[in-house]
């Protein structure tokens, strides 16, 4: 995986414009599995910040920004909005005490965990339904009826009472 590359591997890249200690926008994209456009978008949103520019004018990021970018990407993939992610990153600084920051962060993260659990349940149910759908329609591979797909509604495979919803809606005519 690209994110597991060593410092020595990174130092050998980038030609004359790379200092080996900081990461270019391209490095950030490559190591996080994002596109250059995504890195720039998150930079514009204030979620990652370059520390300097190279002699060639490239934005250069501290390695901690790569970890931040990876977390942002994971949170987005998990379904959090950009606004929710920004709120998480800004929460601690907006609180007058560690107690309040901790309580508010815990509350926000608990809500996110609950939402993820809901989505995981949905995804599990959907996975099972799709797997059942594949099992049912795989029986249709042996169908030789010349009236396909018009005959499908007369077929004993589709007459089952426990037919998955996806089969009824995607395969039945």
N, C-alpha and C. Protein backbone atom coordinates (compact mmCIF):
# COMPACT_ATOMS: atom_id res chain seq x y z
N UNK A 1 0.84 -1.18 0.00
CA UNK A 1 0.00 0.00 0.00
C UNK A 1 0.88 1.23 0.00
N UNK A 2 0.50 2.28 -0.72
CA UNK A 2 1.32 3.47 -0.87
C UNK A 2 1.59 4.16 0.46
N UNK A 3 0.64 4.13 1.38
CA UNK A 3 0.81 4.82 2.66
C UNK A 3 1.90 4.20 3.52
N UNK A 4 2.38 3.02 3.16
CA UNK A 4 3.40 2.35 3.95
C UNK A 4 4.82 2.61 3.46
N UNK A 5 4.97 3.52 2.52
CA UNK A 5 6.30 3.77 1.98
C UNK A 5 7.17 4.45 3.03
N UNK A 6 8.48 4.22 2.92
CA UNK A 6 9.41 4.75 3.90
C UNK A 6 9.85 6.15 3.54
N UNK A 7 10.45 6.84 4.51
CA UNK A 7 11.00 8.16 4.27
C UNK A 7 12.05 8.11 3.16
N UNK A 8 12.87 7.08 3.16
CA UNK A 8 13.92 6.95 2.15
C UNK A 8 13.32 6.86 0.75
N UNK A 9 12.21 6.15 0.62
CA UNK A 9 11.56 6.06 -0.69
C UNK A 9 11.04 7.42 -1.12
N UNK A 10 10.48 8.16 -0.19
CA UNK A 10 9.96 9.49 -0.53
C UNK A 10 11.07 10.46 -0.85
N UNK A 11 12.19 10.36 -0.13
CA UNK A 11 13.28 11.29 -0.38
C UNK A 11 13.88 11.11 -1.76
N UNK A 12 13.76 9.92 -2.32
CA UNK A 12 14.29 9.67 -3.65
C UNK A 12 13.38 10.19 -4.76
N UNK A 13 12.21 10.67 -4.42
CA UNK A 13 11.26 11.15 -5.41
C UNK A 13 11.22 12.67 -5.43
N UNK A 14 10.67 13.20 -6.47
CA UNK A 14 10.38 14.63 -6.50
C UNK A 14 11.41 15.48 -7.18
N UNK A 15 12.50 14.93 -7.62
CA UNK A 15 13.49 15.70 -8.36
C UNK A 15 14.06 16.84 -7.55
N UNK A 16 14.35 17.95 -8.21
CA UNK A 16 15.02 19.09 -7.57
C UNK A 16 14.12 19.90 -6.66
N UNK A 17 12.83 19.70 -6.76
CA UNK A 17 11.90 20.53 -5.98
C UNK A 17 11.49 19.88 -4.67
N UNK A 18 11.96 18.69 -4.36
CA UNK A 18 11.57 18.00 -3.14
C UNK A 18 12.69 18.09 -2.12
N UNK A 19 12.34 18.41 -0.89
CA UNK A 19 13.38 18.49 0.14
C UNK A 19 13.46 17.20 0.96
N UNK A 20 12.58 16.24 0.71
CA UNK A 20 12.65 14.95 1.38
C UNK A 20 11.99 14.91 2.75
N UNK A 21 11.81 16.04 3.40
CA UNK A 21 11.20 16.06 4.72
C UNK A 21 9.73 16.46 4.65
N UNK A 22 9.41 17.25 3.68
CA UNK A 22 8.03 17.69 3.49
C UNK A 22 7.43 16.95 2.30
N UNK A 23 6.13 16.95 2.23
CA UNK A 23 5.43 16.25 1.16
C UNK A 23 4.78 17.25 0.21
N UNK A 24 4.92 17.01 -1.08
CA UNK A 24 4.25 17.84 -2.07
C UNK A 24 2.77 17.45 -2.13
N UNK A 25 2.01 18.24 -2.85
CA UNK A 25 0.60 17.91 -3.05
C UNK A 25 0.48 16.55 -3.72
N UNK A 26 1.36 16.27 -4.67
CA UNK A 26 1.37 14.97 -5.35
C UNK A 26 1.65 13.83 -4.39
N UNK A 27 2.63 14.04 -3.49
CA UNK A 27 2.94 13.02 -2.47
C UNK A 27 1.71 12.78 -1.59
N UNK A 28 1.09 13.87 -1.18
CA UNK A 28 -0.08 13.76 -0.32
C UNK A 28 -1.18 12.95 -1.02
N UNK A 29 -1.41 13.24 -2.28
CA UNK A 29 -2.44 12.52 -3.04
C UNK A 29 -2.07 11.05 -3.17
N UNK A 30 -0.86 10.78 -3.58
CA UNK A 30 -0.42 9.41 -3.82
C UNK A 30 -0.45 8.58 -2.54
N UNK A 31 0.07 9.13 -1.46
CA UNK A 31 0.17 8.38 -0.21
C UNK A 31 -1.17 8.20 0.50
N UNK A 32 -2.11 9.08 0.21
CA UNK A 32 -3.43 8.97 0.86
C UNK A 32 -4.45 8.26 -0.03
N UNK A 33 -4.09 8.00 -1.27
CA UNK A 33 -5.04 7.37 -2.19
C UNK A 33 -6.08 8.34 -2.72
N UNK A 34 -5.77 9.62 -2.68
CA UNK A 34 -6.68 10.65 -3.18
C UNK A 34 -6.14 11.21 -4.50
N UNK A 35 -6.91 12.10 -5.08
CA UNK A 35 -6.46 12.81 -6.28
C UNK A 35 -5.87 14.15 -5.87
N UNK A 36 -5.12 14.76 -6.78
CA UNK A 36 -4.59 16.10 -6.53
C UNK A 36 -5.74 17.07 -6.26
N UNK A 37 -6.80 16.92 -7.02
CA UNK A 37 -7.96 17.80 -6.86
C UNK A 37 -8.55 17.69 -5.46
N UNK A 38 -8.61 16.46 -4.92
CA UNK A 38 -9.16 16.25 -3.58
C UNK A 38 -8.27 16.91 -2.53
N UNK A 39 -6.95 16.75 -2.67
CA UNK A 39 -6.03 17.38 -1.71
C UNK A 39 -6.21 18.89 -1.75
N UNK A 40 -6.29 19.44 -2.94
CA UNK A 40 -6.49 20.90 -3.06
C UNK A 40 -7.83 21.33 -2.47
N UNK A 41 -8.86 20.52 -2.69
CA UNK A 41 -10.19 20.83 -2.13
C UNK A 41 -10.13 20.87 -0.60
N UNK A 42 -9.49 19.87 0.01
CA UNK A 42 -9.40 19.85 1.46
C UNK A 42 -8.50 20.97 1.97
N UNK A 43 -7.53 21.36 1.19
CA UNK A 43 -6.70 22.51 1.57
C UNK A 43 -7.54 23.78 1.55
N UNK A 44 -8.32 23.97 0.49
CA UNK A 44 -9.20 25.15 0.41
C UNK A 44 -10.22 25.17 1.53
N UNK A 45 -10.66 23.98 1.96
CA UNK A 45 -11.63 23.88 3.05
C UNK A 45 -10.99 24.10 4.41
N UNK A 46 -9.66 24.19 4.45
CA UNK A 46 -8.95 24.42 5.70
C UNK A 46 -8.70 23.17 6.52
N UNK A 47 -8.83 22.01 5.91
CA UNK A 47 -8.62 20.76 6.65
C UNK A 47 -7.16 20.31 6.63
N UNK A 48 -6.43 20.65 5.61
CA UNK A 48 -4.99 20.42 5.57
C UNK A 48 -4.34 21.74 5.16
N UNK A 49 -3.15 21.96 5.71
CA UNK A 49 -2.49 23.25 5.50
C UNK A 49 -1.03 23.03 5.13
N UNK A 50 -0.59 23.61 4.00
CA UNK A 50 0.83 23.50 3.67
C UNK A 50 1.65 24.37 4.62
N UNK A 51 2.88 23.95 4.88
CA UNK A 51 3.75 24.74 5.77
C UNK A 51 4.63 25.70 4.99
N UNK A 52 4.83 25.40 3.70
CA UNK A 52 5.69 26.27 2.89
C UNK A 52 5.48 25.96 1.42
N UNK A 53 6.28 26.65 0.62
CA UNK A 53 6.33 26.35 -0.82
C UNK A 53 7.76 26.03 -1.18
N UNK A 54 7.92 25.11 -2.11
CA UNK A 54 9.27 24.74 -2.54
C UNK A 54 9.83 25.84 -3.42
N UNK A 55 11.10 25.71 -3.80
CA UNK A 55 11.73 26.66 -4.71
C UNK A 55 10.99 26.70 -6.04
N UNK A 56 10.35 25.60 -6.38
CA UNK A 56 9.58 25.50 -7.63
C UNK A 56 8.15 26.00 -7.46
N UNK A 57 7.77 26.42 -6.27
CA UNK A 57 6.44 26.95 -6.03
C UNK A 57 5.41 25.92 -5.62
N UNK A 58 5.82 24.67 -5.42
CA UNK A 58 4.88 23.62 -5.00
C UNK A 58 4.55 23.76 -3.52
N UNK A 59 3.29 23.53 -3.18
CA UNK A 59 2.89 23.52 -1.78
C UNK A 59 3.55 22.33 -1.10
N UNK A 60 4.07 22.54 0.10
CA UNK A 60 4.75 21.49 0.84
C UNK A 60 4.05 21.32 2.19
N UNK A 61 3.81 20.05 2.54
CA UNK A 61 3.05 19.71 3.73
C UNK A 61 3.92 18.94 4.72
N UNK A 62 3.67 19.17 5.99
CA UNK A 62 4.30 18.37 7.04
C UNK A 62 3.66 16.98 7.01
N UNK A 63 4.39 16.00 7.49
CA UNK A 63 3.89 14.63 7.48
C UNK A 63 2.63 14.48 8.34
N UNK A 64 2.48 15.31 9.35
CA UNK A 64 1.26 15.25 10.17
C UNK A 64 0.03 15.59 9.34
N UNK A 65 0.20 16.39 8.31
CA UNK A 65 -0.93 16.74 7.44
C UNK A 65 -1.38 15.53 6.61
N UNK A 66 -0.44 14.62 6.31
CA UNK A 66 -0.81 13.39 5.61
C UNK A 66 -1.74 12.56 6.49
N UNK A 67 -1.40 12.42 7.76
CA UNK A 67 -2.26 11.67 8.68
C UNK A 67 -3.63 12.33 8.78
N UNK A 68 -3.65 13.64 8.82
CA UNK A 68 -4.92 14.37 8.88
C UNK A 68 -5.74 14.13 7.61
N UNK A 69 -5.07 14.18 6.46
CA UNK A 69 -5.73 13.93 5.18
C UNK A 69 -6.31 12.52 5.13
N UNK A 70 -5.56 11.55 5.62
CA UNK A 70 -6.04 10.17 5.63
C UNK A 70 -7.27 10.02 6.54
N UNK A 71 -7.25 10.69 7.69
CA UNK A 71 -8.41 10.64 8.59
C UNK A 71 -9.61 11.31 7.93
N UNK A 72 -9.41 12.46 7.32
CA UNK A 72 -10.50 13.17 6.64
C UNK A 72 -11.09 12.27 5.56
N UNK A 73 -10.23 11.62 4.78
CA UNK A 73 -10.70 10.73 3.71
C UNK A 73 -11.51 9.57 4.28
N UNK A 74 -11.04 8.99 5.36
CA UNK A 74 -11.76 7.89 5.99
C UNK A 74 -13.11 8.35 6.53
N UNK A 75 -13.13 9.52 7.16
CA UNK A 75 -14.39 10.04 7.70
C UNK A 75 -15.39 10.33 6.59
N UNK A 76 -14.90 10.89 5.48
CA UNK A 76 -15.77 11.14 4.33
C UNK A 76 -16.31 9.82 3.77
N UNK A 77 -15.42 8.84 3.64
CA UNK A 77 -15.83 7.52 3.14
C UNK A 77 -16.86 6.89 4.08
N UNK A 78 -16.74 7.17 5.36
CA UNK A 78 -17.67 6.66 6.35
C UNK A 78 -18.99 7.40 6.37
N UNK A 79 -19.10 8.47 5.59
CA UNK A 79 -20.37 9.16 5.44
C UNK A 79 -20.48 10.49 6.17
N UNK A 80 -19.42 10.95 6.81
CA UNK A 80 -19.50 12.24 7.49
C UNK A 80 -19.43 13.36 6.46
N UNK A 81 -20.17 14.40 6.72
CA UNK A 81 -20.14 15.56 5.82
C UNK A 81 -18.88 16.37 6.08
N UNK A 82 -18.53 17.18 5.12
CA UNK A 82 -17.37 18.06 5.28
C UNK A 82 -17.58 18.99 6.47
N UNK A 83 -18.80 19.44 6.65
CA UNK A 83 -19.13 20.32 7.77
C UNK A 83 -18.92 19.60 9.11
N UNK A 84 -19.34 18.33 9.19
CA UNK A 84 -19.15 17.56 10.42
C UNK A 84 -17.66 17.35 10.72
N UNK A 85 -16.90 17.08 9.68
CA UNK A 85 -15.46 16.85 9.86
C UNK A 85 -14.78 18.13 10.33
N UNK A 86 -15.12 19.25 9.70
CA UNK A 86 -14.54 20.53 10.13
C UNK A 86 -14.89 20.82 11.59
N UNK A 87 -16.13 20.52 11.96
CA UNK A 87 -16.55 20.75 13.34
C UNK A 87 -15.72 19.91 14.31
N UNK A 88 -15.43 18.66 13.95
CA UNK A 88 -14.60 17.81 14.81
C UNK A 88 -13.20 18.40 14.98
N UNK A 89 -12.61 18.86 13.89
CA UNK A 89 -11.25 19.41 13.96
C UNK A 89 -11.20 20.75 14.71
N UNK A 90 -12.28 21.50 14.67
CA UNK A 90 -12.31 22.82 15.30
C UNK A 90 -12.85 22.80 16.72
N UNK A 91 -13.43 21.69 17.14
CA UNK A 91 -14.13 21.62 18.42
C UNK A 91 -13.23 21.94 19.61
N UNK A 92 -12.09 21.33 19.69
CA UNK A 92 -11.22 21.49 20.86
C UNK A 92 -10.84 22.96 21.08
N UNK A 93 -10.48 23.63 19.99
CA UNK A 93 -10.07 25.03 20.10
C UNK A 93 -11.23 25.94 20.50
N UNK A 94 -12.46 25.52 20.22
CA UNK A 94 -13.62 26.35 20.52
C UNK A 94 -14.12 26.19 21.95
N UNK A 95 -13.51 25.30 22.72
CA UNK A 95 -13.97 25.03 24.08
C UNK A 95 -13.05 25.71 25.10
N UNK A 96 -13.65 26.24 26.17
CA UNK A 96 -12.84 26.93 27.18
C UNK A 96 -12.10 25.99 28.13
N UNK A 97 -12.50 24.71 28.18
CA UNK A 97 -11.86 23.79 29.11
C UNK A 97 -11.73 22.40 28.50
N UNK A 98 -10.82 21.63 29.06
CA UNK A 98 -10.63 20.25 28.61
C UNK A 98 -11.89 19.43 28.89
N UNK A 99 -12.56 19.69 30.01
CA UNK A 99 -13.76 18.95 30.35
C UNK A 99 -14.85 19.16 29.30
N UNK A 100 -15.06 20.42 28.92
CA UNK A 100 -16.09 20.70 27.92
C UNK A 100 -15.70 20.13 26.56
N UNK A 101 -14.45 20.29 26.17
CA UNK A 101 -13.99 19.75 24.89
C UNK A 101 -14.16 18.24 24.85
N UNK A 102 -13.77 17.59 25.92
CA UNK A 102 -13.88 16.13 25.99
C UNK A 102 -15.34 15.69 25.92
N UNK A 103 -16.20 16.36 26.66
CA UNK A 103 -17.62 16.00 26.67
C UNK A 103 -18.25 16.21 25.30
N UNK A 104 -17.96 17.33 24.68
CA UNK A 104 -18.55 17.63 23.38
C UNK A 104 -18.02 16.69 22.30
N UNK A 105 -16.70 16.41 22.34
CA UNK A 105 -16.11 15.49 21.35
C UNK A 105 -16.70 14.09 21.53
N UNK A 106 -16.82 13.65 22.77
CA UNK A 106 -17.40 12.33 23.05
C UNK A 106 -18.82 12.25 22.54
N UNK A 107 -19.59 13.30 22.77
CA UNK A 107 -20.99 13.33 22.32
C UNK A 107 -21.07 13.25 20.79
N UNK A 108 -20.26 14.05 20.11
CA UNK A 108 -20.27 14.03 18.65
C UNK A 108 -19.83 12.68 18.10
N UNK A 109 -18.77 12.13 18.66
CA UNK A 109 -18.26 10.84 18.18
C UNK A 109 -19.25 9.71 18.49
N UNK A 110 -19.92 9.78 19.63
CA UNK A 110 -20.93 8.77 19.96
C UNK A 110 -22.05 8.80 18.94
N UNK A 111 -22.50 9.98 18.55
CA UNK A 111 -23.55 10.08 17.53
C UNK A 111 -23.06 9.52 16.20
N UNK A 112 -21.80 9.78 15.87
CA UNK A 112 -21.26 9.26 14.62
C UNK A 112 -21.17 7.74 14.65
N UNK A 113 -20.77 7.20 15.79
CA UNK A 113 -20.70 5.74 15.94
C UNK A 113 -22.09 5.13 15.78
N UNK A 114 -23.09 5.74 16.38
CA UNK A 114 -24.46 5.24 16.25
C UNK A 114 -24.92 5.27 14.80
N UNK A 115 -24.59 6.32 14.09
CA UNK A 115 -24.95 6.42 12.68
C UNK A 115 -24.21 5.37 11.85
N UNK A 116 -22.94 5.16 12.16
CA UNK A 116 -22.16 4.12 11.46
C UNK A 116 -22.76 2.74 11.73
N UNK A 117 -23.17 2.49 12.97
CA UNK A 117 -23.80 1.20 13.30
C UNK A 117 -25.08 0.99 12.51
N UNK A 118 -25.86 2.05 12.37
CA UNK A 118 -27.08 1.98 11.57
C UNK A 118 -26.74 1.62 10.13
N UNK A 119 -25.74 2.29 9.58
CA UNK A 119 -25.33 2.03 8.19
C UNK A 119 -24.75 0.63 8.03
N UNK A 120 -24.00 0.18 9.01
CA UNK A 120 -23.44 -1.18 8.96
C UNK A 120 -24.56 -2.20 8.92
N UNK A 121 -25.59 -2.00 9.73
CA UNK A 121 -26.74 -2.89 9.71
C UNK A 121 -27.41 -2.91 8.35
N UNK A 122 -27.61 -1.73 7.77
CA UNK A 122 -28.20 -1.63 6.45
C UNK A 122 -27.33 -2.34 5.41
N UNK A 123 -26.04 -2.10 5.46
CA UNK A 123 -25.13 -2.73 4.49
C UNK A 123 -25.11 -4.24 4.63
N UNK A 124 -25.18 -4.74 5.85
CA UNK A 124 -25.23 -6.20 6.05
C UNK A 124 -26.50 -6.79 5.45
N UNK A 125 -27.64 -6.14 5.72
CA UNK A 125 -28.90 -6.62 5.16
C UNK A 125 -28.87 -6.58 3.63
N UNK A 126 -28.33 -5.50 3.09
CA UNK A 126 -28.24 -5.36 1.64
C UNK A 126 -27.31 -6.41 1.05
N UNK A 127 -26.19 -6.66 1.71
CA UNK A 127 -25.25 -7.69 1.24
C UNK A 127 -25.95 -9.05 1.18
N UNK A 128 -26.71 -9.38 2.23
CA UNK A 128 -27.42 -10.66 2.25
C UNK A 128 -28.48 -10.73 1.16
N UNK A 129 -29.19 -9.64 0.95
CA UNK A 129 -30.21 -9.63 -0.10
C UNK A 129 -29.57 -9.78 -1.48
N UNK A 130 -28.48 -9.11 -1.71
CA UNK A 130 -27.82 -9.22 -3.01
C UNK A 130 -27.22 -10.60 -3.21
N UNK A 131 -26.67 -11.19 -2.15
CA UNK A 131 -26.14 -12.56 -2.25
C UNK A 131 -27.28 -13.53 -2.56
N UNK A 132 -28.43 -13.35 -1.93
CA UNK A 132 -29.59 -14.20 -2.21
C UNK A 132 -30.06 -13.99 -3.65
N UNK A 133 -30.01 -12.77 -4.10
CA UNK A 133 -30.39 -12.46 -5.48
C UNK A 133 -29.48 -13.18 -6.47
N UNK A 134 -28.19 -13.15 -6.21
CA UNK A 134 -27.24 -13.86 -7.07
C UNK A 134 -27.54 -15.35 -7.09
N UNK A 135 -27.83 -15.91 -5.93
CA UNK A 135 -28.14 -17.34 -5.85
C UNK A 135 -29.37 -17.68 -6.68
N UNK A 136 -30.40 -16.83 -6.62
CA UNK A 136 -31.62 -17.09 -7.38
C UNK A 136 -31.37 -16.94 -8.88
N UNK A 137 -30.79 -15.82 -9.27
CA UNK A 137 -30.64 -15.60 -10.72
C UNK A 137 -29.59 -16.51 -11.34
N UNK A 138 -28.71 -17.09 -10.52
CA UNK A 138 -27.75 -18.04 -11.09
C UNK A 138 -28.48 -19.27 -11.65
N UNK A 139 -29.66 -19.57 -11.09
CA UNK A 139 -30.47 -20.66 -11.63
C UNK A 139 -30.98 -20.34 -13.03
N UNK A 140 -31.04 -19.07 -13.34
CA UNK A 140 -31.55 -18.64 -14.65
C UNK A 140 -30.50 -18.85 -15.76
N UNK A 141 -29.29 -19.15 -15.40
CA UNK A 141 -28.25 -19.39 -16.41
C UNK A 141 -28.57 -20.60 -17.28
N UNK A 142 -29.28 -21.54 -16.70
CA UNK A 142 -29.62 -22.75 -17.46
C UNK A 142 -30.92 -22.60 -18.27
N UNK A 143 -31.53 -21.45 -18.21
CA UNK A 143 -32.78 -21.21 -18.94
C UNK A 143 -32.50 -21.21 -20.46
N UNK A 144 -33.30 -21.99 -21.16
CA UNK A 144 -33.16 -22.06 -22.62
C UNK A 144 -34.44 -21.63 -23.33
N UNK A 145 -35.37 -21.09 -22.59
CA UNK A 145 -36.65 -20.69 -23.17
C UNK A 145 -36.41 -19.57 -24.18
N UNK A 146 -36.90 -19.76 -25.38
CA UNK A 146 -36.72 -18.79 -26.46
C UNK A 146 -37.51 -17.51 -26.20
N UNK A 147 -38.45 -17.57 -25.27
CA UNK A 147 -39.28 -16.38 -24.98
C UNK A 147 -38.71 -15.53 -23.85
N UNK A 148 -37.44 -15.76 -23.48
CA UNK A 148 -36.79 -14.93 -22.46
C UNK A 148 -36.75 -13.50 -22.98
N UNK A 149 -37.03 -12.51 -22.21
CA UNK A 149 -37.40 -12.48 -20.80
C UNK A 149 -38.91 -12.50 -20.55
N UNK A 150 -39.70 -12.62 -21.62
CA UNK A 150 -41.15 -12.58 -21.45
C UNK A 150 -41.69 -13.71 -20.59
N UNK A 151 -41.04 -14.86 -20.60
CA UNK A 151 -41.52 -16.02 -19.86
C UNK A 151 -41.13 -15.98 -18.38
N UNK A 152 -40.27 -15.12 -17.97
CA UNK A 152 -39.75 -15.09 -16.60
C UNK A 152 -40.86 -15.11 -15.54
N UNK A 153 -41.92 -14.37 -15.76
CA UNK A 153 -42.99 -14.32 -14.76
C UNK A 153 -43.73 -15.65 -14.63
N UNK A 154 -43.58 -16.55 -15.58
CA UNK A 154 -44.20 -17.87 -15.53
C UNK A 154 -43.25 -18.92 -14.96
N UNK A 155 -42.02 -18.56 -14.72
CA UNK A 155 -40.97 -19.50 -14.30
C UNK A 155 -41.14 -19.90 -12.83
N UNK A 156 -40.86 -21.17 -12.53
CA UNK A 156 -40.96 -21.66 -11.15
C UNK A 156 -39.92 -21.01 -10.24
N UNK A 157 -38.80 -20.57 -10.81
CA UNK A 157 -37.76 -19.92 -9.99
C UNK A 157 -38.32 -18.63 -9.40
N UNK A 158 -39.02 -17.86 -10.22
CA UNK A 158 -39.55 -16.58 -9.75
C UNK A 158 -40.90 -16.71 -9.04
N UNK A 159 -41.42 -17.92 -8.96
CA UNK A 159 -42.70 -18.14 -8.27
C UNK A 159 -42.51 -18.43 -6.79
N UNK A 160 -41.28 -18.49 -6.32
CA UNK A 160 -41.02 -18.80 -4.90
C UNK A 160 -41.60 -17.72 -4.00
N UNK A 161 -42.16 -18.11 -2.87
CA UNK A 161 -42.72 -17.11 -1.95
C UNK A 161 -41.65 -16.31 -1.21
N UNK A 162 -40.45 -16.85 -1.08
CA UNK A 162 -39.40 -16.17 -0.32
C UNK A 162 -38.42 -15.44 -1.24
N UNK A 163 -38.86 -15.07 -2.41
CA UNK A 163 -38.02 -14.41 -3.39
C UNK A 163 -37.50 -13.08 -2.83
N UNK A 164 -36.20 -12.83 -2.93
CA UNK A 164 -35.66 -11.55 -2.44
C UNK A 164 -36.28 -10.36 -3.19
N UNK A 165 -36.44 -9.30 -2.49
CA UNK A 165 -37.00 -8.08 -3.06
C UNK A 165 -36.25 -7.66 -4.32
N UNK A 166 -34.92 -7.74 -4.29
CA UNK A 166 -34.13 -7.31 -5.44
C UNK A 166 -34.44 -8.14 -6.67
N UNK A 167 -34.70 -9.43 -6.50
CA UNK A 167 -35.07 -10.27 -7.65
C UNK A 167 -36.41 -9.81 -8.20
N UNK A 168 -37.36 -9.61 -7.30
CA UNK A 168 -38.70 -9.18 -7.75
C UNK A 168 -38.62 -7.86 -8.51
N UNK A 169 -37.77 -6.95 -8.08
CA UNK A 169 -37.73 -5.62 -8.69
C UNK A 169 -36.75 -5.50 -9.85
N UNK A 170 -35.67 -6.27 -9.82
CA UNK A 170 -34.65 -6.16 -10.86
C UNK A 170 -34.76 -7.21 -11.95
N UNK A 171 -35.28 -8.40 -11.61
CA UNK A 171 -35.26 -9.51 -12.54
C UNK A 171 -36.63 -9.85 -13.10
N UNK A 172 -37.64 -9.67 -12.30
CA UNK A 172 -39.00 -9.97 -12.77
C UNK A 172 -39.44 -8.92 -13.78
N UNK A 173 -40.26 -9.36 -14.72
CA UNK A 173 -40.75 -8.40 -15.72
C UNK A 173 -42.21 -8.11 -15.54
